[in-house]
Amino acid sequence: MQKAKMLFSASMMLGLIGATGTALADDRFTSPFGPDDQIGAANYLTSDVTLAASKLISEGKVYSLGMEISRDTPAFAPRGVAVTVFSPGQSGNKTIGSNAGTYNDDMFTGWLGVGTQIDGLGHLGDHHTYYNNNHAEDMVAATGLTKLGIEHVPPMATRGVLLDVAAIKGTKRLEGGYVITLEDIMAAQKAAGTEIRKGDVALIHTGWLDLVGKDNELYGTTEPGLGLEAAEWLANQGVVAVGADTWGLEAVPHEDPSAFFPVHVKLLAENGVYILENIVTRDLAADRAHEFLFVLGQAKLKGAVQMIINPVAIR
């Protein structure tokens, strides 16, 4: 299977490369949790929130929300991953030690924003200004972020809510470029029989991930996703993270085709809300599992911007 190229993302990068500007201080990016805050909406994760979410477990059914990734996984250009396996010191069928032991080791080469992933708060900004008015010149280094790195994200064990927008629109898969409106979110919330609350993780089902392996080209050149109004409403409810079964969460092309991922800026930089991409929501949607315990503990790679993840839902 030939890997699809993310043509839209690459062209957007090239088209906006000249739009430069100096870092700025902006009240939009100021954290309500103080000048030293690096975890944003994760501050809403309390023991009470976790305890309440644990009581949603009634069947003990566990859902893997992460997709399998490989060299063939379509990703935002120029990202990709590869695993190389070695059997050190064992060429020619050699063994090690008196017990003739053998072992394999592996080397990962690639980007951390491939497949199911979490976007940290240092991922997208405005004029090189990121969450809590952290400026690129003070935090971005080739060896890793010195602030807002993925290692600061605390474990998440909270209520997850599935918003099945595909279902309320009467389709198995939303069309590429479809903008999910606030009205859609409210209708999906009503269909779920619950309301989004502070500390929740909201997951949106669009059906788009089903294209992977079937039509990687279409999957990677467009996608349905959140509009700005819907994203702002979710942030105002106090969600910790918003995820979807799409590669970029927001509609591509967006409501303003000239803007560079404005929903990312709205959630990450302005509100400290994490973004979860390529979440496998199909089984939750098939079971109509709208409320569940959501659990995520990402690798704490110091200074990383993003991380490949495999969160789980338990109901």
C-alpha atoms as a PDB file:
ATOM      1  CA  MET A   1       0.000   0.000   0.000  1.00  0.00           C
ATOM      2  CA  GLN A   2       1.519   3.276  -1.069  1.00  0.00           C
ATOM      3  CA  LYS A   3       1.532   5.932   1.578  1.00  0.00           C
ATOM      4  CA  ALA A   4      -0.788   8.857   0.853  1.00  0.00           C
ATOM      5  CA  LYS A   5       0.682  12.330   0.768  1.00  0.00           C
ATOM      6  CA  MET A   6      -1.025  15.043   2.759  1.00  0.00           C
ATOM      7  CA  LEU A   7      -1.216  17.461  -0.164  1.00  0.00           C
ATOM      8  CA  PHE A   8      -3.398  20.025   1.544  1.00  0.00           C
ATOM      9  CA  SER A   9      -1.163  20.332   4.590  1.00  0.00           C
ATOM     10  CA  ALA A  10       1.994  20.708   2.526  1.00  0.00           C
ATOM     11  CA  SER A  11       0.477  23.385   0.312  1.00  0.00           C
ATOM     12  CA  MET A  12      -0.839  25.278   3.324  1.00  0.00           C
ATOM     13  CA  MET A  13       2.642  25.301   4.825  1.00  0.00           C
ATOM     14  CA  LEU A  14       4.140  26.679   1.629  1.00  0.00           C
ATOM     15  CA  GLY A  15       1.376  29.198   1.154  1.00  0.00           C
ATOM     16  CA  LEU A  16       1.769  30.645   4.630  1.00  0.00           C
ATOM     17  CA  ILE A  17       5.530  30.453   5.003  1.00  0.00           C
ATOM     18  CA  GLY A  18       5.853  34.162   4.350  1.00  0.00           C
ATOM     19  CA  ALA A  19       3.349  35.151   7.037  1.00  0.00           C
ATOM     20  CA  THR A  20       5.871  35.966   9.747  1.00  0.00           C
ATOM     21  CA  GLY A  21       5.593  38.137  12.815  1.00  0.00           C
ATOM     22  CA  THR A  22       7.185  38.798  16.157  1.00  0.00           C
ATOM     23  CA  ALA A  23       5.976  37.182  19.356  1.00  0.00           C
ATOM     24  CA  LEU A  24       3.318  39.138  21.183  1.00  0.00           C
ATOM     25  CA  ALA A  25       1.696  39.187  24.593  1.00  0.00           C
ATOM     26  CA  ASP A  26      -2.031  38.625  24.352  1.00  0.00           C
ATOM     27  CA  ASP A  27      -4.702  38.215  27.015  1.00  0.00           C
ATOM     28  CA  ARG A  28      -6.218  35.437  24.905  1.00  0.00           C
ATOM     29  CA  PHE A  29      -3.288  33.225  25.828  1.00  0.00           C
ATOM     30  CA  THR A  30      -3.106  34.028  29.551  1.00  0.00           C
ATOM     31  CA  SER A  31      -3.788  31.045  31.802  1.00  0.00           C
ATOM     32  CA  PRO A  32      -6.483  31.392  34.493  1.00  0.00           C
ATOM     33  CA  PHE A  33      -4.311  29.082  36.607  1.00  0.00           C
ATOM     34  CA  GLY A  34      -1.405  31.481  37.012  1.00  0.00           C
ATOM     35  CA  PRO A  35       1.802  32.552  35.239  1.00  0.00           C
ATOM     36  CA  ASP A  36       3.613  29.260  35.866  1.00  0.00           C
ATOM     37  CA  ASP A  37       0.849  27.031  34.518  1.00  0.00           C
ATOM     38  CA  GLN A  38       1.993  24.512  31.890  1.00  0.00           C
ATOM     39  CA  ILE A  39      -0.895  22.029  31.862  1.00  0.00           C
ATOM     40  CA  GLY A  40      -3.899  24.163  30.932  1.00  0.00           C
ATOM     41  CA  ALA A  41      -7.306  22.503  31.127  1.00  0.00           C
ATOM     42  CA  ALA A  42      -5.733  19.441  32.745  1.00  0.00           C
ATOM     43  CA  ASN A  43      -6.010  21.468  35.951  1.00  0.00           C
ATOM     44  CA  TYR A  44      -9.662  20.408  35.923  1.00  0.00           C
ATOM     45  CA  LEU A  45      -8.644  16.795  36.543  1.00  0.00           C
ATOM     46  CA  THR A  46      -9.300  16.231  40.226  1.00  0.00           C
ATOM     47  CA  SER A  47      -9.747  13.142  42.387  1.00  0.00           C
ATOM     48  CA  ASP A  48     -13.476  13.868  42.517  1.00  0.00           C
ATOM     49  CA  VAL A  49     -13.669  13.968  38.715  1.00  0.00           C
ATOM     50  CA  THR A  50     -11.827  10.652  38.432  1.00  0.00           C
ATOM     51  CA  LEU A  51     -13.902   8.986  41.140  1.00  0.00           C
ATOM     52  CA  ALA A  52     -17.152  10.058  39.492  1.00  0.00           C
ATOM     53  CA  ALA A  53     -15.932   8.783  36.108  1.00  0.00           C
ATOM     54  CA  SER A  54     -14.972   5.418  37.573  1.00  0.00           C
ATOM     55  CA  LYS A  55     -18.593   4.869  38.569  1.00  0.00           C
ATOM     56  CA  LEU A  56     -19.550   4.797  34.870  1.00  0.00           C
ATOM     57  CA  ILE A  57     -18.049   1.310  34.594  1.00  0.00           C
ATOM     58  CA  SER A  58     -20.885  -1.209  34.564  1.00  0.00           C
ATOM     59  CA  GLU A  59     -19.813  -3.913  32.086  1.00  0.00           C
ATOM     60  CA  GLY A  60     -16.032  -3.883  32.351  1.00  0.00           C
ATOM     61  CA  LYS A  61     -15.744  -3.602  28.557  1.00  0.00           C
ATOM     62  CA  VAL A  62     -12.491  -2.006  27.391  1.00  0.00           C
ATOM     63  CA  TYR A  63     -12.061  -0.182  24.072  1.00  0.00           C
ATOM     64  CA  SER A  64      -8.697   0.533  22.485  1.00  0.00           C
ATOM     65  CA  LEU A  65      -8.913   4.016  20.992  1.00  0.00           C
ATOM     66  CA  GLY A  66      -5.534   3.911  19.244  1.00  0.00           C
ATOM     67  CA  MET A  67      -4.968   2.879  15.622  1.00  0.00           C
ATOM     68  CA  GLU A  68      -2.260   0.526  14.408  1.00  0.00           C
ATOM     69  CA  ILE A  69       0.559   2.493  12.782  1.00  0.00           C
ATOM     70  CA  SER A  70       3.267   1.484  10.329  1.00  0.00           C
ATOM     71  CA  ARG A  71       5.435   2.813   7.531  1.00  0.00           C
ATOM     72  CA  ASP A  72       2.272   2.921   5.414  1.00  0.00           C
ATOM     73  CA  THR A  73       0.162   5.023   7.775  1.00  0.00           C
ATOM     74  CA  PRO A  74      -0.922   8.258   6.066  1.00  0.00           C
ATOM     75  CA  ALA A  75       0.211  11.314   8.017  1.00  0.00           C
ATOM     76  CA  PHE A  76       0.507  15.089   7.861  1.00  0.00           C
ATOM     77  CA  ALA A  77       3.389  15.715   5.434  1.00  0.00           C
ATOM     78  CA  PRO A  78       6.304  15.151   5.800  1.00  0.00           C
ATOM     79  CA  ARG A  79       5.686  12.929   8.831  1.00  0.00           C
ATOM     80  CA  GLY A  80       6.197   9.192   8.874  1.00  0.00           C
ATOM     81  CA  VAL A  81       7.433   6.368  11.098  1.00  0.00           C
ATOM     82  CA  ALA A  82       9.604   3.297  10.738  1.00  0.00           C
ATOM     83  CA  VAL A  83      10.693   0.487  13.032  1.00  0.00           C
ATOM     84  CA  THR A  84      13.984  -1.329  12.400  1.00  0.00           C
ATOM     85  CA  VAL A  85      14.634  -4.574  14.262  1.00  0.00           C
ATOM     86  CA  PHE A  86      18.156  -5.746  15.185  1.00  0.00           C
ATOM     87  CA  SER A  87      19.560  -8.903  16.764  1.00  0.00           C
ATOM     88  CA  PRO A  88      22.805  -7.416  18.141  1.00  0.00           C
ATOM     89  CA  GLY A  89      25.867  -9.643  18.125  1.00  0.00           C
ATOM     90  CA  GLN A  90      23.954 -12.606  16.729  1.00  0.00           C
ATOM     91  CA  SER A  91      24.769 -12.594  13.028  1.00  0.00           C
ATOM     92  CA  GLY A  92      25.479 -16.009  11.598  1.00  0.00           C
ATOM     93  CA  ASN A  93      23.007 -17.592  14.047  1.00  0.00           C
ATOM     94  CA  LYS A  94      25.248 -16.829  17.053  1.00  0.00           C
ATOM     95  CA  THR A  95      23.922 -17.147  20.582  1.00  0.00           C
ATOM     96  CA  ILE A  96      24.873 -15.443  23.847  1.00  0.00           C
ATOM     97  CA  GLY A  97      25.904 -16.910  27.161  1.00  0.00           C
ATOM     98  CA  SER A  98      26.030 -20.426  28.528  1.00  0.00           C
ATOM     99  CA  ASN A  99      22.289 -20.815  28.020  1.00  0.00           C
ATOM    100  CA  ALA A 100      22.511 -19.911  24.286  1.00  0.00           C
ATOM    101  CA  GLY A 101      20.285 -16.873  24.817  1.00  0.00           C
ATOM    102  CA  THR A 102      19.078 -14.705  21.980  1.00  0.00           C
ATOM    103  CA  TYR A 103      17.277 -11.360  21.820  1.00  0.00           C
ATOM    104  CA  ASN A 104      15.900  -8.729  19.472  1.00  0.00           C
ATOM    105  CA  ASP A 105      15.964  -4.969  19.831  1.00  0.00           C
ATOM    106  CA  ASP A 106      14.267  -2.239  17.868  1.00  0.00           C
ATOM    107  CA  MET A 107      14.946   1.317  16.766  1.00  0.00           C
ATOM    108  CA  PHE A 108      12.196   3.862  16.140  1.00  0.00           C
ATOM    109  CA  THR A 109      12.771   6.456  13.430  1.00  0.00           C
ATOM    110  CA  GLY A 110      10.053   8.971  12.818  1.00  0.00           C
ATOM    111  CA  TRP A 111       7.732  11.722  13.948  1.00  0.00           C
ATOM    112  CA  LEU A 112       5.668  11.681  17.117  1.00  0.00           C
ATOM    113  CA  GLY A 113       2.595  13.104  15.391  1.00  0.00           C
ATOM    114  CA  VAL A 114       1.599  10.012  13.435  1.00  0.00           C
ATOM    115  CA  GLY A 115      -1.487   7.889  13.940  1.00  0.00           C
ATOM    116  CA  THR A 116      -3.436   8.329  17.171  1.00  0.00           C
ATOM    117  CA  GLN A 117      -1.772  11.230  18.958  1.00  0.00           C
ATOM    118  CA  ILE A 118      -2.079  13.980  21.530  1.00  0.00           C
ATOM    119  CA  ASP A 119      -1.160  17.549  20.614  1.00  0.00           C
ATOM    120  CA  GLY A 120       0.568  19.290  23.496  1.00  0.00           C
ATOM    121  CA  LEU A 121       0.108  22.959  24.344  1.00  0.00           C
ATOM    122  CA  GLY A 122       3.335  23.928  22.595  1.00  0.00           C
ATOM    123  CA  HIS A 123       2.131  22.694  19.214  1.00  0.00           C
ATOM    124  CA  LEU A 124       0.304  25.648  17.650  1.00  0.00           C
ATOM    125  CA  GLY A 125       0.361  29.333  18.458  1.00  0.00           C
ATOM    126  CA  ASP A 126      -0.173  32.795  17.016  1.00  0.00           C
ATOM    127  CA  HIS A 127       2.748  35.022  16.016  1.00  0.00           C
ATOM    128  CA  HIS A 128       5.080  32.556  17.792  1.00  0.00           C
ATOM    129  CA  THR A 129       3.108  32.984  21.025  1.00  0.00           C
ATOM    130  CA  TYR A 130       1.787  29.840  22.705  1.00  0.00           C
ATOM    131  CA  TYR A 131      -0.359  28.943  25.699  1.00  0.00           C
ATOM    132  CA  ASN A 132       0.063  31.194  28.746  1.00  0.00           C
ATOM    133  CA  ASN A 133       1.998  33.760  26.683  1.00  0.00           C
ATOM    134  CA  ASN A 134       5.017  31.540  26.247  1.00  0.00           C
ATOM    135  CA  HIS A 135       7.070  32.838  23.350  1.00  0.00           C
ATOM    136  CA  ALA A 136       8.958  30.663  20.894  1.00  0.00           C
ATOM    137  CA  GLU A 137      12.232  32.504  21.518  1.00  0.00           C
ATOM    138  CA  ASP A 138      12.036  31.476  25.177  1.00  0.00           C
ATOM    139  CA  MET A 139      10.921  27.849  24.800  1.00  0.00           C
ATOM    140  CA  VAL A 140      11.586  26.355  21.369  1.00  0.00           C
ATOM    141  CA  ALA A 141      14.913  24.586  20.902  1.00  0.00           C
ATOM    142  CA  ALA A 142      16.023  21.912  18.460  1.00  0.00           C
ATOM    143  CA  THR A 143      16.598  19.564  21.392  1.00  0.00           C
ATOM    144  CA  GLY A 144      13.042  20.002  22.695  1.00  0.00           C
ATOM    145  CA  LEU A 145      10.611  22.494  24.189  1.00  0.00           C
ATOM    146  CA  THR A 146      11.809  23.987  27.462  1.00  0.00           C
ATOM    147  CA  LYS A 147       8.204  24.801  28.405  1.00  0.00           C
ATOM    148  CA  LEU A 148       4.883  23.130  27.549  1.00  0.00           C
ATOM    149  CA  GLY A 149       6.592  19.821  26.745  1.00  0.00           C
ATOM    150  CA  ILE A 150       4.521  16.652  26.644  1.00  0.00           C
ATOM    151  CA  GLU A 151       6.147  15.453  29.884  1.00  0.00           C
ATOM    152  CA  HIS A 152       4.056  17.976  31.819  1.00  0.00           C
ATOM    153  CA  VAL A 153       0.710  16.469  30.749  1.00  0.00           C
ATOM    154  CA  PRO A 154      -0.691  14.614  33.777  1.00  0.00           C
ATOM    155  CA  PRO A 155      -2.412  11.230  33.500  1.00  0.00           C
ATOM    156  CA  MET A 156      -6.017  11.524  32.400  1.00  0.00           C
ATOM    157  CA  ALA A 157      -8.664   9.374  34.088  1.00  0.00           C
ATOM    158  CA  THR A 158     -11.917  11.195  33.554  1.00  0.00           C
ATOM    159  CA  ARG A 159     -15.325  10.999  31.948  1.00  0.00           C
ATOM    160  CA  GLY A 160     -15.302  10.566  28.199  1.00  0.00           C
ATOM    161  CA  VAL A 161     -18.314  11.576  26.113  1.00  0.00           C
ATOM    162  CA  LEU A 162     -18.865  10.383  22.558  1.00  0.00           C
ATOM    163  CA  LEU A 163     -20.551  12.906  20.295  1.00  0.00           C
ATOM    164  CA  ASP A 164     -21.676  10.898  17.264  1.00  0.00           C
ATOM    165  CA  VAL A 165     -22.133  13.651  14.711  1.00  0.00           C
ATOM    166  CA  ALA A 166     -22.261  11.181  11.823  1.00  0.00           C
ATOM    167  CA  ALA A 167     -25.294   9.520  13.404  1.00  0.00           C
ATOM    168  CA  ILE A 168     -27.230  12.720  13.998  1.00  0.00           C
ATOM    169  CA  LYS A 169     -26.578  13.696  10.372  1.00  0.00           C
ATOM    170  CA  GLY A 170     -27.887  10.297   9.247  1.00  0.00           C
ATOM    171  CA  THR A 171     -24.699   9.054   7.590  1.00  0.00           C
ATOM    172  CA  LYS A 172     -21.906   6.572   8.199  1.00  0.00           C
ATOM    173  CA  ARG A 173     -19.275   9.144   7.243  1.00  0.00           C
ATOM    174  CA  LEU A 174     -19.373  12.915   7.062  1.00  0.00           C
ATOM    175  CA  GLU A 175     -18.149  14.528   3.866  1.00  0.00           C
ATOM    176  CA  GLY A 176     -14.685  16.041   3.625  1.00  0.00           C
ATOM    177  CA  GLY A 177     -14.761  19.736   4.491  1.00  0.00           C
ATOM    178  CA  TYR A 178     -18.001  19.466   6.457  1.00  0.00           C
ATOM    179  CA  VAL A 179     -17.877  22.026   9.278  1.00  0.00           C
ATOM    180  CA  ILE A 180     -19.278  20.697  12.552  1.00  0.00           C
ATOM    181  CA  THR A 181     -21.385  23.483  14.003  1.00  0.00           C
ATOM    182  CA  LEU A 182     -22.463  24.291  17.520  1.00  0.00           C
ATOM    183  CA  GLU A 183     -25.930  23.092  16.547  1.00  0.00           C
ATOM    184  CA  ASP A 184     -24.429  19.727  15.582  1.00  0.00           C
ATOM    185  CA  ILE A 185     -22.653  19.472  18.935  1.00  0.00           C
ATOM    186  CA  MET A 186     -25.834  20.304  20.829  1.00  0.00           C
ATOM    187  CA  ALA A 187     -27.814  17.721  18.832  1.00  0.00           C
ATOM    188  CA  ALA A 188     -25.157  15.041  19.388  1.00  0.00           C
ATOM    189  CA  GLN A 189     -25.046  15.889  23.085  1.00  0.00           C
ATOM    190  CA  LYS A 190     -28.829  15.504  23.290  1.00  0.00           C
ATOM    191  CA  ALA A 191     -28.658  12.178  21.450  1.00  0.00           C
ATOM    192  CA  ALA A 192     -26.015  11.022  23.936  1.00  0.00           C
ATOM    193  CA  GLY A 193     -28.420  11.752  26.774  1.00  0.00           C
ATOM    194  CA  THR A 194     -25.921  13.804  28.726  1.00  0.00           C
ATOM    195  CA  GLU A 195     -24.275  17.212  28.867  1.00  0.00           C
ATOM    196  CA  ILE A 196     -20.625  18.147  28.483  1.00  0.00           C
ATOM    197  CA  ARG A 197     -19.132  19.033  31.873  1.00  0.00           C
ATOM    198  CA  LYS A 198     -15.941  20.474  33.286  1.00  0.00           C
ATOM    199  CA  GLY A 199     -13.173  17.882  33.272  1.00  0.00           C
ATOM    200  CA  ASP A 200     -14.616  15.822  30.395  1.00  0.00           C
ATOM    201  CA  VAL A 201     -12.859  14.528  27.315  1.00  0.00           C
ATOM    202  CA  ALA A 202     -15.136  15.022  24.299  1.00  0.00           C
ATOM    203  CA  LEU A 203     -14.671  12.595  21.395  1.00  0.00           C
ATOM    204  CA  ILE A 204     -16.342  13.232  18.038  1.00  0.00           C
ATOM    205  CA  HIS A 205     -17.273  10.423  15.678  1.00  0.00           C
ATOM    206  CA  THR A 206     -17.330  11.346  11.972  1.00  0.00           C
ATOM    207  CA  GLY A 207     -16.594   7.995  10.312  1.00  0.00           C
ATOM    208  CA  TRP A 208     -13.606   9.541   8.509  1.00  0.00           C
ATOM    209  CA  LEU A 209     -10.985   7.141   9.897  1.00  0.00           C
ATOM    210  CA  ASP A 210     -12.643   4.285   8.000  1.00  0.00           C
ATOM    211  CA  LEU A 211     -10.965   5.638   4.851  1.00  0.00           C
ATOM    212  CA  VAL A 212      -7.491   4.614   6.050  1.00  0.00           C
ATOM    213  CA  GLY A 213      -6.304   1.693   3.962  1.00  0.00           C
ATOM    214  CA  LYS A 214      -9.181   2.163   1.535  1.00  0.00           C
ATOM    215  CA  ASP A 215      -8.619   5.670   0.154  1.00  0.00           C
ATOM    216  CA  ASN A 216      -5.599   7.226   1.831  1.00  0.00           C
ATOM    217  CA  GLU A 217      -5.476  10.008  -0.727  1.00  0.00           C
ATOM    218  CA  LEU A 218      -8.967  11.260   0.099  1.00  0.00           C
ATOM    219  CA  TYR A 219      -8.377  10.729   3.820  1.00  0.00           C
ATOM    220  CA  GLY A 220      -5.308  12.959   3.761  1.00  0.00           C
ATOM    221  CA  THR A 221      -6.388  15.803   1.507  1.00  0.00           C
ATOM    222  CA  THR A 222      -9.536  16.879   3.336  1.00  0.00           C
ATOM    223  CA  GLU A 223     -11.595  16.024   6.402  1.00  0.00           C
ATOM    224  CA  PRO A 224     -14.777  16.966   8.258  1.00  0.00           C
ATOM    225  CA  GLY A 225     -14.218  18.681  11.562  1.00  0.00           C
ATOM    226  CA  LEU A 226     -14.943  21.299  14.174  1.00  0.00           C
ATOM    227  CA  GLY A 227     -15.763  24.858  13.342  1.00  0.00           C
ATOM    228  CA  LEU A 228     -14.560  27.716  15.536  1.00  0.00           C
ATOM    229  CA  GLU A 229     -17.882  28.353  17.258  1.00  0.00           C
ATOM    230  CA  ALA A 230     -18.250  24.712  18.293  1.00  0.00           C
ATOM    231  CA  ALA A 231     -14.629  24.563  19.467  1.00  0.00           C
ATOM    232  CA  GLU A 232     -15.011  27.682  21.577  1.00  0.00           C
ATOM    233  CA  TRP A 233     -18.193  26.356  23.178  1.00  0.00           C
ATOM    234  CA  LEU A 234     -16.488  23.086  24.129  1.00  0.00           C
ATOM    235  CA  ALA A 235     -13.572  25.002  25.645  1.00  0.00           C
ATOM    236  CA  ASN A 236     -15.970  27.188  27.615  1.00  0.00           C
ATOM    237  CA  GLN A 237     -17.540  24.074  29.150  1.00  0.00           C
ATOM    238  CA  GLY A 238     -14.174  23.206  30.687  1.00  0.00           C
ATOM    239  CA  VAL A 239     -13.252  20.125  28.665  1.00  0.00           C
ATOM    240  CA  VAL A 240      -9.733  18.810  29.162  1.00  0.00           C
ATOM    241  CA  ALA A 241      -9.372  17.535  25.607  1.00  0.00           C
ATOM    242  CA  VAL A 242     -11.278  17.284  22.350  1.00  0.00           C
ATOM    243  CA  GLY A 243     -10.648  14.401  19.978  1.00  0.00           C
ATOM    244  CA  ALA A 244     -12.004  12.927  16.775  1.00  0.00           C
ATOM    245  CA  ASP A 245     -11.506  10.116  14.296  1.00  0.00           C
ATOM    246  CA  THR A 246      -9.786  12.501  11.874  1.00  0.00           C
ATOM    247  CA  TRP A 247      -6.159  13.459  11.298  1.00  0.00           C
ATOM    248  CA  GLY A 248      -6.571  17.126  12.260  1.00  0.00           C
ATOM    249  CA  LEU A 249      -9.799  17.561  14.307  1.00  0.00           C
ATOM    250  CA  GLU A 250     -10.978  20.637  12.409  1.00  0.00           C
ATOM    251  CA  ALA A 251     -12.601  20.932   8.999  1.00  0.00           C
ATOM    252  CA  VAL A 252     -10.185  20.998   6.072  1.00  0.00           C
ATOM    253  CA  PRO A 253     -10.610  23.267   4.258  1.00  0.00           C
ATOM    254  CA  HIS A 254     -11.834  25.395   7.140  1.00  0.00           C
ATOM    255  CA  GLU A 255     -14.498  28.106   7.211  1.00  0.00           C
ATOM    256  CA  ASP A 256     -11.711  30.561   6.400  1.00  0.00           C
ATOM    257  CA  PRO A 257      -9.574  28.657   3.864  1.00  0.00           C
ATOM    258  CA  SER A 258      -6.694  31.123   4.299  1.00  0.00           C
ATOM    259  CA  ALA A 259      -6.360  30.466   8.047  1.00  0.00           C
ATOM    260  CA  PHE A 260      -3.790  27.981   9.352  1.00  0.00           C
ATOM    261  CA  PHE A 261      -5.590  25.509  11.646  1.00  0.00           C
ATOM    262  CA  PRO A 262      -7.517  28.157  13.628  1.00  0.00           C
ATOM    263  CA  VAL A 263      -9.300  25.580  15.813  1.00  0.00           C
ATOM    264  CA  HIS A 264      -5.901  24.328  16.994  1.00  0.00           C
ATOM    265  CA  VAL A 265      -4.993  27.859  18.018  1.00  0.00           C
ATOM    266  CA  LYS A 266      -8.354  28.341  19.714  1.00  0.00           C
ATOM    267  CA  LEU A 267      -8.107  25.156  21.773  1.00  0.00           C
ATOM    268  CA  LEU A 268      -4.377  24.820  22.453  1.00  0.00           C
ATOM    269  CA  ALA A 269      -3.042  28.364  22.669  1.00  0.00           C
ATOM    270  CA  GLU A 270      -6.105  30.246  23.880  1.00  0.00           C
ATOM    271  CA  ASN A 271      -7.685  27.680  26.191  1.00  0.00           C
ATOM    272  CA  GLY A 272      -5.078  25.068  27.073  1.00  0.00           C
ATOM    273  CA  VAL A 273      -7.351  22.292  25.763  1.00  0.00           C
ATOM    274  CA  TYR A 274      -5.526  19.265  24.387  1.00  0.00           C
ATOM    275  CA  ILE A 275      -6.272  17.845  20.940  1.00  0.00           C
ATOM    276  CA  LEU A 276      -6.546  14.114  20.271  1.00  0.00           C
ATOM    277  CA  GLU A 277      -6.334  13.012  16.640  1.00  0.00           C
ATOM    278  CA  ASN A 278      -7.080   9.765  14.800  1.00  0.00           C
ATOM    279  CA  ILE A 279      -9.058   8.421  17.754  1.00  0.00           C
ATOM    280  CA  VAL A 280     -10.675   5.062  16.939  1.00  0.00           C
ATOM    281  CA  THR A 281     -14.277   5.833  17.816  1.00  0.00           C
ATOM    282  CA  ARG A 282     -16.047   3.293  15.580  1.00  0.00           C
ATOM    283  CA  ASP A 283     -16.558   0.636  18.259  1.00  0.00           C
ATOM    284  CA  LEU A 284     -17.884   3.159  20.763  1.00  0.00           C
ATOM    285  CA  ALA A 285     -20.283   4.440  18.103  1.00  0.00           C
ATOM    286  CA  ALA A 286     -21.378   0.924  17.158  1.00  0.00           C
ATOM    287  CA  ASP A 287     -22.159   0.152  20.810  1.00  0.00           C
ATOM    288  CA  ARG A 288     -23.746   3.566  21.360  1.00  0.00           C
ATOM    289  CA  ALA A 289     -21.362   3.967  24.265  1.00  0.00           C
ATOM    290  CA  HIS A 290     -21.773   7.667  24.930  1.00  0.00           C
ATOM    291  CA  GLU A 291     -20.316   7.829  28.462  1.00  0.00           C
ATOM    292  CA  PHE A 292     -17.274   5.967  29.755  1.00  0.00           C
ATOM    293  CA  LEU A 293     -14.123   6.210  31.807  1.00  0.00           C
ATOM    294  CA  PHE A 294     -11.424   7.655  29.561  1.00  0.00           C
ATOM    295  CA  VAL A 295      -7.832   6.791  30.487  1.00  0.00           C
ATOM    296  CA  LEU A 296      -4.638   8.165  28.946  1.00  0.00           C
ATOM    297  CA  GLY A 297      -1.057   8.119  30.151  1.00  0.00           C
ATOM    298  CA  GLN A 298       1.326   9.201  27.387  1.00  0.00           C
ATOM    299  CA  ALA A 299       5.080   8.604  27.247  1.00  0.00           C
ATOM    300  CA  LYS A 300       6.899  11.416  29.048  1.00  0.00           C
ATOM    301  CA  LEU A 301       9.471  12.248  26.399  1.00  0.00           C
ATOM    302  CA  LYS A 302      10.975  15.478  27.689  1.00  0.00           C
ATOM    303  CA  GLY A 303      10.515  18.437  25.389  1.00  0.00           C
ATOM    304  CA  ALA A 304       8.280  16.632  22.899  1.00  0.00           C
ATOM    305  CA  VAL A 305       5.484  18.576  21.211  1.00  0.00           C
ATOM    306  CA  GLN A 306       3.196  15.612  20.517  1.00  0.00           C
ATOM    307  CA  MET A 307       3.052  11.925  21.330  1.00  0.00           C
ATOM    308  CA  ILE A 308       1.699   8.743  19.756  1.00  0.00           C
ATOM    309  CA  ILE A 309      -0.906   7.338  22.148  1.00  0.00           C
ATOM    310  CA  ASN A 310      -3.297   4.445  22.743  1.00  0.00           C
ATOM    311  CA  PRO A 311      -5.959   5.727  25.134  1.00  0.00           C
ATOM    312  CA  VAL A 312      -8.656   3.399  26.395  1.00  0.00           C
ATOM    313  CA  ALA A 313     -12.332   3.727  27.195  1.00  0.00           C
ATOM    314  CA  ILE A 314     -13.930   1.533  29.855  1.00  0.00           C
ATOM    315  CA  ARG A 315     -17.662   1.133  30.403  1.00  0.00           C
END
